[in-house]
């Protein structure tokens, strides 16, 4: 995945204005090597701990809106702090990480950075934080309101059953029934079945 590196001061372009100073302070405190990447469909960000001469490394997708960028960055910073405190002795998204993430997130919730709808969604999930922002469907729906809209792009759940949709790689699918938390869809070219998250963004095909 091609990556582009920026000086820390440039990070302000990706964050809500009020969050820039405290975020930069955290990155400097923990000596984070931050990379802003192109869009990744499966993840919004990731963390790799320091080893030998390499610093702690965090990457965040550069196409995220400022609120989603901040939440993702705090999520990954929580992994870093958890690693410093517990090493590899605890689960990646266990109770230790959840407490660290909650504490870091609360710093920004108290600053009145987020719009009311995002704030309400974050507060509702604080008691049991998901392992990934992508897994927090109510939050993802709210955050999407602040994305730059692309013509023809919809969430899988917004398409009627039987509708055709395409992915960025050109593969075309037909939407099927919902099975528990995901929709079963068939790829037209191969006939293979795939499960899609209801909040996965796709392009509707006429």
C-alpha atoms as a PDB file:
ATOM      1  CA  UNK A   1       0.000   0.000   0.000  1.00  0.00           C
ATOM      2  CA  UNK A   2       1.594   3.304  -1.071  1.00  0.00           C
ATOM      3  CA  UNK A   3       2.082   5.627   1.869  1.00  0.00           C
ATOM      4  CA  UNK A   4       2.797   9.322   2.199  1.00  0.00           C
ATOM      5  CA  UNK A   5       4.591  10.816   5.184  1.00  0.00           C
ATOM      6  CA  UNK A   6       3.922  14.307   6.517  1.00  0.00           C
ATOM      7  CA  UNK A   7       5.520  16.567   9.121  1.00  0.00           C
ATOM      8  CA  UNK A   8       3.489  16.581  12.306  1.00  0.00           C
ATOM      9  CA  UNK A   9       2.322  20.156  11.757  1.00  0.00           C
ATOM     10  CA  UNK A  10       0.549  19.069   8.576  1.00  0.00           C
ATOM     11  CA  UNK A  11      -1.666  16.763  10.643  1.00  0.00           C
ATOM     12  CA  UNK A  12      -3.798  19.787  11.492  1.00  0.00           C
ATOM     13  CA  UNK A  13      -5.331  19.547   8.019  1.00  0.00           C
ATOM     14  CA  UNK A  14      -6.851  16.169   8.924  1.00  0.00           C
ATOM     15  CA  UNK A  15      -8.240  16.957  12.383  1.00  0.00           C
ATOM     16  CA  UNK A  16     -10.930  19.149  13.930  1.00  0.00           C
ATOM     17  CA  UNK A  17      -9.165  22.442  14.725  1.00  0.00           C
ATOM     18  CA  UNK A  18      -9.601  22.118  18.496  1.00  0.00           C
ATOM     19  CA  UNK A  19      -8.023  18.647  18.524  1.00  0.00           C
ATOM     20  CA  UNK A  20      -4.795  19.493  16.699  1.00  0.00           C
ATOM     21  CA  UNK A  21      -2.731  20.721  19.667  1.00  0.00           C
ATOM     22  CA  UNK A  22      -3.561  17.866  22.114  1.00  0.00           C
ATOM     23  CA  UNK A  23      -3.104  15.241  19.393  1.00  0.00           C
ATOM     24  CA  UNK A  24       0.275  16.636  18.383  1.00  0.00           C
ATOM     25  CA  UNK A  25       1.305  16.643  22.045  1.00  0.00           C
ATOM     26  CA  UNK A  26       0.390  12.947  22.379  1.00  0.00           C
ATOM     27  CA  UNK A  27       2.275  12.010  19.222  1.00  0.00           C
ATOM     28  CA  UNK A  28       5.358  13.837  20.438  1.00  0.00           C
ATOM     29  CA  UNK A  29       5.046  12.407  23.957  1.00  0.00           C
ATOM     30  CA  UNK A  30       5.040   8.832  22.656  1.00  0.00           C
ATOM     31  CA  UNK A  31       7.454   9.509  19.765  1.00  0.00           C
ATOM     32  CA  UNK A  32       5.031   8.152  17.182  1.00  0.00           C
ATOM     33  CA  UNK A  33       5.996   7.737  13.540  1.00  0.00           C
ATOM     34  CA  UNK A  34       2.680   8.662  11.899  1.00  0.00           C
ATOM     35  CA  UNK A  35       1.838   7.727   8.322  1.00  0.00           C
ATOM     36  CA  UNK A  36      -1.236   8.902   6.430  1.00  0.00           C
ATOM     37  CA  UNK A  37      -2.259   6.276   3.881  1.00  0.00           C
ATOM     38  CA  UNK A  38      -4.563   5.977   0.936  1.00  0.00           C
ATOM     39  CA  UNK A  39      -8.005   4.477   1.564  1.00  0.00           C
ATOM     40  CA  UNK A  40      -8.067   0.922   2.908  1.00  0.00           C
ATOM     41  CA  UNK A  41     -11.472  -0.743   2.851  1.00  0.00           C
ATOM     42  CA  UNK A  42     -10.780  -3.306   5.557  1.00  0.00           C
ATOM     43  CA  UNK A  43      -9.136  -1.030   8.142  1.00  0.00           C
ATOM     44  CA  UNK A  44      -9.177   2.659   9.027  1.00  0.00           C
ATOM     45  CA  UNK A  45      -5.843   2.599  10.851  1.00  0.00           C
ATOM     46  CA  UNK A  46      -3.255   0.333  12.448  1.00  0.00           C
ATOM     47  CA  UNK A  47      -0.472   0.309  15.047  1.00  0.00           C
ATOM     48  CA  UNK A  48       2.904  -1.427  15.164  1.00  0.00           C
ATOM     49  CA  UNK A  49       4.934  -1.288  18.342  1.00  0.00           C
ATOM     50  CA  UNK A  50       8.525  -0.113  18.547  1.00  0.00           C
ATOM     51  CA  UNK A  51      11.310  -2.674  18.134  1.00  0.00           C
ATOM     52  CA  UNK A  52      15.084  -2.379  17.861  1.00  0.00           C
ATOM     53  CA  UNK A  53      15.724   1.055  16.283  1.00  0.00           C
ATOM     54  CA  UNK A  54      12.191   1.498  14.894  1.00  0.00           C
ATOM     55  CA  UNK A  55       9.763   3.891  16.588  1.00  0.00           C
ATOM     56  CA  UNK A  56       6.122   3.217  17.348  1.00  0.00           C
ATOM     57  CA  UNK A  57       4.262   3.371  14.036  1.00  0.00           C
ATOM     58  CA  UNK A  58       0.648   4.382  13.464  1.00  0.00           C
ATOM     59  CA  UNK A  59      -1.079   4.731  10.123  1.00  0.00           C
ATOM     60  CA  UNK A  60      -4.475   6.310   9.465  1.00  0.00           C
ATOM     61  CA  UNK A  61      -6.438   6.505   6.228  1.00  0.00           C
ATOM     62  CA  UNK A  62      -6.156   9.994   4.782  1.00  0.00           C
ATOM     63  CA  UNK A  63      -9.614   9.981   3.195  1.00  0.00           C
ATOM     64  CA  UNK A  64     -11.439  10.025   6.549  1.00  0.00           C
ATOM     65  CA  UNK A  65     -13.412  13.073   7.622  1.00  0.00           C
ATOM     66  CA  UNK A  66     -11.795  14.982  10.550  1.00  0.00           C
ATOM     67  CA  UNK A  67     -13.961  13.362  13.236  1.00  0.00           C
ATOM     68  CA  UNK A  68     -13.395   9.832  11.928  1.00  0.00           C
ATOM     69  CA  UNK A  69      -9.676  10.565  11.597  1.00  0.00           C
ATOM     70  CA  UNK A  70      -9.481  11.697  15.231  1.00  0.00           C
ATOM     71  CA  UNK A  71     -11.410   8.689  16.563  1.00  0.00           C
ATOM     72  CA  UNK A  72      -9.258   6.273  14.545  1.00  0.00           C
ATOM     73  CA  UNK A  73      -6.030   7.923  15.688  1.00  0.00           C
ATOM     74  CA  UNK A  74      -7.106   7.781  19.349  1.00  0.00           C
ATOM     75  CA  UNK A  75      -8.010   4.099  18.849  1.00  0.00           C
ATOM     76  CA  UNK A  76      -4.483   3.356  17.610  1.00  0.00           C
ATOM     77  CA  UNK A  77      -2.848   5.480  20.302  1.00  0.00           C
ATOM     78  CA  UNK A  78      -4.703   3.345  22.831  1.00  0.00           C
ATOM     79  CA  UNK A  79      -2.944   0.286  21.391  1.00  0.00           C
ATOM     80  CA  UNK A  80       0.397   2.025  21.860  1.00  0.00           C
ATOM     81  CA  UNK A  81      -0.279   2.998  25.486  1.00  0.00           C
ATOM     82  CA  UNK A  82      -1.614  -0.494  26.245  1.00  0.00           C
ATOM     83  CA  UNK A  83       1.542  -2.037  24.797  1.00  0.00           C
ATOM     84  CA  UNK A  84       3.747   0.226  26.918  1.00  0.00           C
ATOM     85  CA  UNK A  85       1.860  -0.770  30.062  1.00  0.00           C
ATOM     86  CA  UNK A  86       1.282  -4.471  29.461  1.00  0.00           C
ATOM     87  CA  UNK A  87       3.443  -5.543  26.533  1.00  0.00           C
ATOM     88  CA  UNK A  88       1.990  -8.553  24.747  1.00  0.00           C
ATOM     89  CA  UNK A  89       0.529 -10.100  27.898  1.00  0.00           C
ATOM     90  CA  UNK A  90      -3.027  -8.896  27.224  1.00  0.00           C
ATOM     91  CA  UNK A  91      -5.498  -9.293  24.369  1.00  0.00           C
ATOM     92  CA  UNK A  92      -5.320  -6.694  21.612  1.00  0.00           C
ATOM     93  CA  UNK A  93      -8.844  -5.429  22.324  1.00  0.00           C
ATOM     94  CA  UNK A  94      -9.257  -6.729  25.846  1.00  0.00           C
ATOM     95  CA  UNK A  95     -10.377  -4.895  28.965  1.00  0.00           C
ATOM     96  CA  UNK A  96      -6.984  -3.219  29.417  1.00  0.00           C
ATOM     97  CA  UNK A  97      -7.118  -1.678  25.943  1.00  0.00           C
ATOM     98  CA  UNK A  98     -10.763  -0.671  26.386  1.00  0.00           C
ATOM     99  CA  UNK A  99      -9.947   1.231  29.577  1.00  0.00           C
ATOM    100  CA  UNK A 100      -7.009   3.040  27.942  1.00  0.00           C
ATOM    101  CA  UNK A 101      -9.088   3.870  24.863  1.00  0.00           C
ATOM    102  CA  UNK A 102     -11.960   5.110  27.012  1.00  0.00           C
ATOM    103  CA  UNK A 103      -9.632   7.325  29.061  1.00  0.00           C
ATOM    104  CA  UNK A 104      -7.981   8.816  25.968  1.00  0.00           C
ATOM    105  CA  UNK A 105     -11.309   9.343  24.257  1.00  0.00           C
ATOM    106  CA  UNK A 106     -12.776  11.084  27.291  1.00  0.00           C
ATOM    107  CA  UNK A 107     -10.084  13.764  27.020  1.00  0.00           C
ATOM    108  CA  UNK A 108     -11.526  14.759  23.647  1.00  0.00           C
ATOM    109  CA  UNK A 109     -15.180  14.279  24.566  1.00  0.00           C
ATOM    110  CA  UNK A 110     -14.719  16.797  27.377  1.00  0.00           C
ATOM    111  CA  UNK A 111     -13.330  19.357  24.912  1.00  0.00           C
ATOM    112  CA  UNK A 112     -16.648  19.686  23.024  1.00  0.00           C
ATOM    113  CA  UNK A 113     -14.977  18.883  19.715  1.00  0.00           C
ATOM    114  CA  UNK A 114     -17.629  16.552  18.317  1.00  0.00           C
ATOM    115  CA  UNK A 115     -21.054  17.496  16.926  1.00  0.00           C
ATOM    116  CA  UNK A 116     -23.992  16.423  19.098  1.00  0.00           C
ATOM    117  CA  UNK A 117     -24.865  13.329  17.028  1.00  0.00           C
ATOM    118  CA  UNK A 118     -21.306  11.945  17.036  1.00  0.00           C
ATOM    119  CA  UNK A 119     -20.924  12.753  20.729  1.00  0.00           C
ATOM    120  CA  UNK A 120     -24.128  10.888  21.588  1.00  0.00           C
ATOM    121  CA  UNK A 121     -23.032   7.849  19.564  1.00  0.00           C
ATOM    122  CA  UNK A 122     -19.602   7.757  21.211  1.00  0.00           C
ATOM    123  CA  UNK A 123     -21.049   8.123  24.689  1.00  0.00           C
ATOM    124  CA  UNK A 124     -23.498   5.286  24.081  1.00  0.00           C
ATOM    125  CA  UNK A 125     -20.664   2.884  23.221  1.00  0.00           C
ATOM    126  CA  UNK A 126     -18.298   3.838  26.051  1.00  0.00           C
ATOM    127  CA  UNK A 127     -19.587   1.048  28.297  1.00  0.00           C
ATOM    128  CA  UNK A 128     -18.523  -1.638  25.800  1.00  0.00           C
ATOM    129  CA  UNK A 129     -16.199  -0.258  23.170  1.00  0.00           C
ATOM    130  CA  UNK A 130     -15.943  -2.351  19.976  1.00  0.00           C
ATOM    131  CA  UNK A 131     -12.634  -3.716  18.735  1.00  0.00           C
ATOM    132  CA  UNK A 132     -12.873  -1.570  15.615  1.00  0.00           C
ATOM    133  CA  UNK A 133     -14.613   1.640  14.663  1.00  0.00           C
ATOM    134  CA  UNK A 134     -15.802  -0.261  11.587  1.00  0.00           C
ATOM    135  CA  UNK A 135     -17.604  -2.684  13.920  1.00  0.00           C
ATOM    136  CA  UNK A 136     -19.513   0.155  15.598  1.00  0.00           C
ATOM    137  CA  UNK A 137     -22.281   0.407  13.016  1.00  0.00           C
ATOM    138  CA  UNK A 138     -24.294   3.188  14.703  1.00  0.00           C
ATOM    139  CA  UNK A 139     -21.153   5.326  14.963  1.00  0.00           C
ATOM    140  CA  UNK A 140     -20.152   4.638  11.354  1.00  0.00           C
ATOM    141  CA  UNK A 141     -23.589   5.706  10.128  1.00  0.00           C
ATOM    142  CA  UNK A 142     -23.333   8.968  12.033  1.00  0.00           C
ATOM    143  CA  UNK A 143     -19.746   9.641  10.917  1.00  0.00           C
ATOM    144  CA  UNK A 144     -20.763   9.105   7.295  1.00  0.00           C
ATOM    145  CA  UNK A 145     -22.922  12.252   7.494  1.00  0.00           C
ATOM    146  CA  UNK A 146     -19.684  14.239   7.561  1.00  0.00           C
ATOM    147  CA  UNK A 147     -18.019  12.513   4.601  1.00  0.00           C
ATOM    148  CA  UNK A 148     -17.661  14.119   1.203  1.00  0.00           C
ATOM    149  CA  UNK A 149     -20.417  12.494  -0.823  1.00  0.00           C
ATOM    150  CA  UNK A 150     -19.615  10.713  -4.067  1.00  0.00           C
ATOM    151  CA  UNK A 151     -22.297  10.332  -6.702  1.00  0.00           C
ATOM    152  CA  UNK A 152     -23.797   6.850  -6.863  1.00  0.00           C
ATOM    153  CA  UNK A 153     -22.200   5.638  -3.625  1.00  0.00           C
ATOM    154  CA  UNK A 154     -24.505   3.922  -1.127  1.00  0.00           C
ATOM    155  CA  UNK A 155     -24.272   1.616   1.847  1.00  0.00           C
ATOM    156  CA  UNK A 156     -25.144  -2.015   1.176  1.00  0.00           C
ATOM    157  CA  UNK A 157     -28.081  -1.719   3.585  1.00  0.00           C
ATOM    158  CA  UNK A 158     -29.503   1.170   1.522  1.00  0.00           C
ATOM    159  CA  UNK A 159     -29.845  -1.003  -1.594  1.00  0.00           C
ATOM    160  CA  UNK A 160     -33.007  -3.055  -2.191  1.00  0.00           C
ATOM    161  CA  UNK A 161     -32.683  -6.823  -2.304  1.00  0.00           C
ATOM    162  CA  UNK A 162     -31.717  -7.924  -5.801  1.00  0.00           C
ATOM    163  CA  UNK A 163     -29.945  -4.669  -6.652  1.00  0.00           C
ATOM    164  CA  UNK A 164     -26.582  -4.766  -8.407  1.00  0.00           C
ATOM    165  CA  UNK A 165     -23.537  -2.978  -7.037  1.00  0.00           C
ATOM    166  CA  UNK A 166     -19.867  -2.698  -7.897  1.00  0.00           C
ATOM    167  CA  UNK A 167     -16.646  -2.436  -5.913  1.00  0.00           C
ATOM    168  CA  UNK A 168     -13.614  -0.308  -6.727  1.00  0.00           C
ATOM    169  CA  UNK A 169     -11.945  -3.293  -8.400  1.00  0.00           C
ATOM    170  CA  UNK A 170     -14.830  -3.597 -10.882  1.00  0.00           C
ATOM    171  CA  UNK A 171     -16.415  -6.743  -9.435  1.00  0.00           C
ATOM    172  CA  UNK A 172     -20.211  -6.674  -9.626  1.00  0.00           C
ATOM    173  CA  UNK A 173     -22.502  -8.269  -7.044  1.00  0.00           C
ATOM    174  CA  UNK A 174     -26.203  -8.895  -6.556  1.00  0.00           C
ATOM    175  CA  UNK A 175     -27.532  -8.146  -3.095  1.00  0.00           C
ATOM    176  CA  UNK A 176     -29.242 -11.033  -1.326  1.00  0.00           C
ATOM    177  CA  UNK A 177     -30.864 -11.643   2.024  1.00  0.00           C
ATOM    178  CA  UNK A 178     -29.545 -10.530   5.369  1.00  0.00           C
ATOM    179  CA  UNK A 179     -28.001 -13.326   7.439  1.00  0.00           C
ATOM    180  CA  UNK A 180     -27.720 -12.130  11.034  1.00  0.00           C
ATOM    181  CA  UNK A 181     -25.396  -9.105  10.836  1.00  0.00           C
ATOM    182  CA  UNK A 182     -24.359  -9.278   7.166  1.00  0.00           C
ATOM    183  CA  UNK A 183     -25.886  -9.461   3.712  1.00  0.00           C
ATOM    184  CA  UNK A 184     -25.237 -12.465   1.493  1.00  0.00           C
ATOM    185  CA  UNK A 185     -24.364 -11.285  -2.009  1.00  0.00           C
ATOM    186  CA  UNK A 186     -23.366 -13.186  -5.129  1.00  0.00           C
ATOM    187  CA  UNK A 187     -20.597 -12.129  -7.482  1.00  0.00           C
ATOM    188  CA  UNK A 188     -22.124 -12.201 -10.963  1.00  0.00           C
ATOM    189  CA  UNK A 189     -19.012 -13.334 -12.835  1.00  0.00           C
ATOM    190  CA  UNK A 190     -18.118 -16.311 -10.625  1.00  0.00           C
ATOM    191  CA  UNK A 191     -21.338 -17.115  -8.777  1.00  0.00           C
ATOM    192  CA  UNK A 192     -19.436 -17.093  -5.494  1.00  0.00           C
ATOM    193  CA  UNK A 193     -21.216 -15.943  -2.341  1.00  0.00           C
ATOM    194  CA  UNK A 194     -19.814 -13.194  -0.153  1.00  0.00           C
ATOM    195  CA  UNK A 195     -20.958 -11.590   3.089  1.00  0.00           C
ATOM    196  CA  UNK A 196     -21.024  -7.799   3.243  1.00  0.00           C
ATOM    197  CA  UNK A 197     -21.342  -5.508   6.225  1.00  0.00           C
ATOM    198  CA  UNK A 198     -24.525  -3.408   6.002  1.00  0.00           C
ATOM    199  CA  UNK A 199     -22.402  -0.256   6.238  1.00  0.00           C
ATOM    200  CA  UNK A 200     -19.950  -1.211   3.493  1.00  0.00           C
ATOM    201  CA  UNK A 201     -19.961   1.546   0.865  1.00  0.00           C
ATOM    202  CA  UNK A 202     -20.506   0.472  -2.752  1.00  0.00           C
ATOM    203  CA  UNK A 203     -21.510   1.946  -6.108  1.00  0.00           C
ATOM    204  CA  UNK A 204     -24.983   1.099  -7.374  1.00  0.00           C
ATOM    205  CA  UNK A 205     -25.100  -0.400 -10.880  1.00  0.00           C
ATOM    206  CA  UNK A 206     -28.057   0.458 -13.109  1.00  0.00           C
END
